[in-house]
N, C-alpha and C. Protein backbone atom coordinates (compact mmCIF):
# COMPACT_ATOMS: atom_id res chain seq x y z
N MET A 1 17.07 9.63 83.53
CA MET A 1 16.08 8.79 83.61
C MET A 1 15.13 9.54 84.42
N LEU A 2 14.17 9.10 84.42
CA LEU A 2 12.95 9.64 85.69
C LEU A 2 12.25 8.64 86.08
N ARG A 3 11.89 8.81 87.42
CA ARG A 3 11.25 8.32 88.13
C ARG A 3 9.87 8.78 88.93
N THR A 4 8.73 8.40 88.72
CA THR A 4 7.98 9.21 89.16
C THR A 4 6.57 8.33 89.89
N PRO A 5 7.17 7.79 91.29
CA PRO A 5 5.90 7.20 92.17
C PRO A 5 4.66 8.28 92.01
N ILE A 6 3.55 7.42 92.60
CA ILE A 6 1.89 7.95 92.71
C ILE A 6 1.97 7.88 93.45
N ILE A 7 1.24 8.68 94.22
CA ILE A 7 0.73 8.39 96.42
C ILE A 7 -0.52 8.98 95.77
N ASP A 8 -1.51 7.41 96.08
CA ASP A 8 -3.05 8.26 95.94
C ASP A 8 -3.55 7.97 97.90
N THR A 9 -4.34 9.05 97.83
CA THR A 9 -4.76 9.14 98.84
C THR A 9 -6.38 9.61 98.91
N PRO A 10 -7.30 9.24 100.08
CA PRO A 10 -8.78 9.66 99.13
C PRO A 10 -9.15 10.96 98.53
N PHE A 11 -8.09 12.10 98.99
CA PHE A 11 -8.60 13.27 98.18
C PHE A 11 -7.41 14.09 97.52
N GLU A 12 -6.08 12.74 97.38
CA GLU A 12 -5.20 13.53 96.76
C GLU A 12 -4.71 12.59 95.90
N GLN A 13 -4.39 12.74 94.73
CA GLN A 13 -3.28 12.05 93.94
C GLN A 13 -1.76 12.97 93.87
N LYS A 14 -0.37 12.72 93.80
CA LYS A 14 0.78 13.28 94.64
C LYS A 14 1.28 12.34 93.30
N TRP A 15 1.62 13.19 92.22
CA TRP A 15 3.11 12.61 91.55
C TRP A 15 4.49 13.38 92.13
N VAL A 16 5.29 12.03 92.02
CA VAL A 16 6.75 12.88 92.55
C VAL A 16 7.70 12.15 91.65
N SER A 17 7.99 13.38 91.11
CA SER A 17 8.72 13.32 89.90
C SER A 17 10.50 13.61 90.27
N GLN A 18 11.38 12.35 89.96
CA GLN A 18 12.79 12.45 90.33
C GLN A 18 13.80 12.00 89.38
N GLY A 19 14.38 13.14 88.67
CA GLY A 19 15.69 12.94 87.65
C GLY A 19 15.31 13.68 86.30
N ARG A 20 15.55 13.55 85.11
CA ARG A 20 15.45 14.15 84.07
C ARG A 20 14.16 13.97 83.38
N LEU A 21 13.12 15.55 83.70
CA LEU A 21 12.25 15.49 82.21
C LEU A 21 12.17 15.83 81.29
N SER A 22 12.80 14.84 80.55
CA SER A 22 13.59 15.00 79.55
C SER A 22 13.30 13.84 77.93
N TRP A 23 12.98 13.96 77.10
CA TRP A 23 13.12 13.36 75.61
C TRP A 23 12.19 11.84 75.74
N GLN A 24 12.50 11.17 75.98
CA GLN A 24 11.93 9.66 75.86
C GLN A 24 11.42 9.69 77.20
N TRP A 25 11.77 10.10 78.19
CA TRP A 25 10.97 10.28 79.52
C TRP A 25 9.82 10.94 79.85
N VAL A 26 9.45 12.20 78.73
CA VAL A 26 8.44 12.52 78.79
C VAL A 26 7.41 12.01 77.88
N ALA A 27 7.87 11.22 77.28
CA ALA A 27 6.69 10.28 76.25
C ALA A 27 6.15 9.27 77.30
N ASP A 28 7.39 8.95 78.31
CA ASP A 28 6.68 7.77 79.39
C ASP A 28 5.81 8.47 80.16
N LEU A 29 6.15 9.86 80.47
CA LEU A 29 5.00 10.65 81.65
C LEU A 29 3.93 10.90 81.19
N LYS A 30 3.59 11.61 79.85
CA LYS A 30 2.56 11.83 79.05
C LYS A 30 1.81 10.44 79.18
N GLU A 31 2.28 9.28 78.76
CA GLU A 31 1.50 8.52 78.67
C GLU A 31 0.42 7.76 79.71
N ARG A 32 1.48 8.00 80.77
CA ARG A 32 1.07 7.15 82.19
C ARG A 32 0.02 8.50 82.56
N TRP A 33 0.72 9.73 82.19
CA TRP A 33 -0.67 11.04 82.80
C TRP A 33 -2.05 10.78 82.27
N GLU A 34 -2.34 10.13 80.76
CA GLU A 34 -2.95 9.85 80.35
C GLU A 34 -4.08 9.02 80.55
N SER A 35 -3.36 7.99 81.03
CA SER A 35 -3.32 6.85 81.26
C SER A 35 -4.60 6.61 82.32
N MET A 36 -3.88 7.67 83.47
CA MET A 36 -4.56 7.83 84.83
C MET A 36 -5.64 9.14 85.00
N ARG A 37 -5.86 9.81 83.57
CA ARG A 37 -6.82 10.47 83.67
C ARG A 37 -7.46 10.37 84.82
N SER A 38 -8.89 9.38 84.20
CA SER A 38 -9.95 8.93 85.14
C SER A 38 -9.67 8.78 86.78
N SER A 39 -8.56 8.18 87.15
CA SER A 39 -8.42 8.19 88.42
C SER A 39 -8.23 9.35 89.20
N ARG A 40 -7.59 10.62 88.28
CA ARG A 40 -7.69 11.56 89.04
C ARG A 40 -8.97 12.54 89.30
N LYS A 41 -10.11 12.23 89.09
CA LYS A 41 -11.26 12.57 88.87
C LYS A 41 -11.58 12.91 90.32
N GLY A 42 -12.27 14.11 90.67
CA GLY A 42 -12.44 14.73 91.85
C GLY A 42 -11.51 14.32 93.29
N HIS A 43 -10.17 14.38 92.67
CA HIS A 43 -9.35 14.49 93.26
C HIS A 43 -8.12 15.81 93.43
N ARG A 44 -7.45 16.25 94.00
CA ARG A 44 -6.47 17.39 93.83
C ARG A 44 -5.36 16.39 93.55
N CYS A 45 -4.54 16.93 92.45
CA CYS A 45 -3.44 16.18 92.08
C CYS A 45 -2.35 17.66 92.01
N ILE A 46 -1.22 17.05 92.61
CA ILE A 46 -0.07 17.95 93.10
C ILE A 46 1.16 17.23 92.07
N VAL A 47 2.04 17.58 91.48
CA VAL A 47 3.17 17.19 90.81
C VAL A 47 4.45 17.73 91.67
N ASP A 48 5.07 16.93 92.38
CA ASP A 48 6.49 17.31 93.19
C ASP A 48 7.05 17.29 92.42
N LEU A 49 8.05 18.32 91.85
CA LEU A 49 9.14 18.21 91.23
C LEU A 49 10.45 18.51 91.75
N GLU A 50 10.49 18.69 93.53
CA GLU A 50 11.44 18.78 94.24
C GLU A 50 12.86 18.22 93.97
N ASP A 51 12.68 16.84 93.16
CA ASP A 51 13.90 15.99 92.81
C ASP A 51 14.23 15.88 91.31
N VAL A 52 13.65 16.76 90.49
CA VAL A 52 13.85 17.25 89.23
C VAL A 52 15.38 17.67 88.89
N ILE A 53 15.94 17.32 88.09
CA ILE A 53 17.23 17.47 87.57
C ILE A 53 17.51 18.65 86.54
N SER A 54 16.60 18.48 85.71
CA SER A 54 16.52 19.28 84.58
C SER A 54 15.21 18.83 83.72
N VAL A 55 14.56 19.70 83.23
CA VAL A 55 13.44 19.99 82.30
C VAL A 55 13.96 20.52 80.92
N ASP A 56 13.46 20.00 79.64
CA ASP A 56 13.85 20.17 78.15
C ASP A 56 12.33 21.13 77.79
N THR A 57 12.22 21.15 76.77
CA THR A 57 10.99 22.06 76.09
C THR A 57 9.87 21.23 76.02
N GLN A 58 9.88 19.96 75.63
CA GLN A 58 9.27 18.83 75.53
C GLN A 58 8.67 18.62 77.06
N GLY A 59 9.47 18.71 78.19
CA GLY A 59 9.27 18.40 79.80
C GLY A 59 8.92 19.56 80.10
N GLU A 60 9.06 20.98 79.47
CA GLU A 60 7.87 22.00 79.70
C GLU A 60 6.67 21.83 79.27
N ASP A 61 6.67 21.76 77.88
CA ASP A 61 4.86 21.79 77.42
C ASP A 61 4.11 20.53 77.91
N LEU A 62 4.55 19.36 78.60
CA LEU A 62 4.05 18.55 79.13
C LEU A 62 3.39 18.93 80.60
N LEU A 63 4.51 19.63 81.33
CA LEU A 63 4.08 20.51 82.61
C LEU A 63 2.66 21.75 82.68
N LEU A 64 3.01 22.21 81.57
CA LEU A 64 1.68 22.94 80.83
C LEU A 64 0.44 22.10 80.76
N GLU A 65 0.95 21.20 80.07
CA GLU A 65 -0.45 20.60 79.58
C GLU A 65 -1.10 19.86 81.24
N MET A 66 -0.14 19.28 82.24
CA MET A 66 -0.64 19.10 83.28
C MET A 66 -1.56 20.39 84.03
N VAL A 67 -1.05 21.19 84.10
CA VAL A 67 -1.72 22.13 84.67
C VAL A 67 -2.75 22.78 83.91
N ALA A 68 -2.88 22.87 82.87
CA ALA A 68 -4.02 22.88 82.35
C ALA A 68 -5.24 21.92 82.56
N GLU A 69 -4.70 20.51 82.81
CA GLU A 69 -5.79 19.82 83.45
C GLU A 69 -5.99 19.87 84.68
N GLY A 70 -5.07 20.74 85.58
CA GLY A 70 -5.88 21.38 86.90
C GLY A 70 -4.35 20.88 88.31
N ALA A 71 -3.60 20.19 87.42
CA ALA A 71 -2.47 20.24 88.24
C ALA A 71 -1.88 21.08 89.16
N MET A 72 -1.42 21.09 90.14
CA MET A 72 -0.69 21.85 90.66
C MET A 72 0.94 21.69 91.11
N LEU A 73 1.48 22.36 90.50
CA LEU A 73 3.07 21.90 90.49
C LEU A 73 4.00 22.35 91.58
N PHE A 74 4.99 21.87 92.24
CA PHE A 74 5.54 22.30 93.54
C PHE A 74 6.83 21.77 93.27
N ALA A 75 7.69 23.05 93.63
CA ALA A 75 8.94 22.73 94.05
C ALA A 75 9.60 23.90 94.69
N SER A 76 10.84 23.53 95.49
CA SER A 76 11.46 24.45 96.12
C SER A 76 12.65 23.99 96.44
N ARG A 77 13.87 24.58 96.35
CA ARG A 77 15.36 24.52 96.49
C ARG A 77 15.59 25.76 97.38
N ALA A 78 16.21 25.63 97.69
CA ALA A 78 17.29 26.51 99.18
C ALA A 78 18.22 26.96 98.64
């Protein structure tokens, strides 16, 4: 399962993904990403992957698409 709340501020849109970025969850996130395209204009977009457990090849492809559209990926684990 993947959960991705979106936090909007006046200058930034932050997508906080939690769970598994794989298979059907990728399709759901991709659909949401495309439907929110117009609301990202003029905002910095951050995709927080801190709480993502796993990413399959479809998930990787979606992340690359997000980066190509200007998103910045964030993840850090100690």
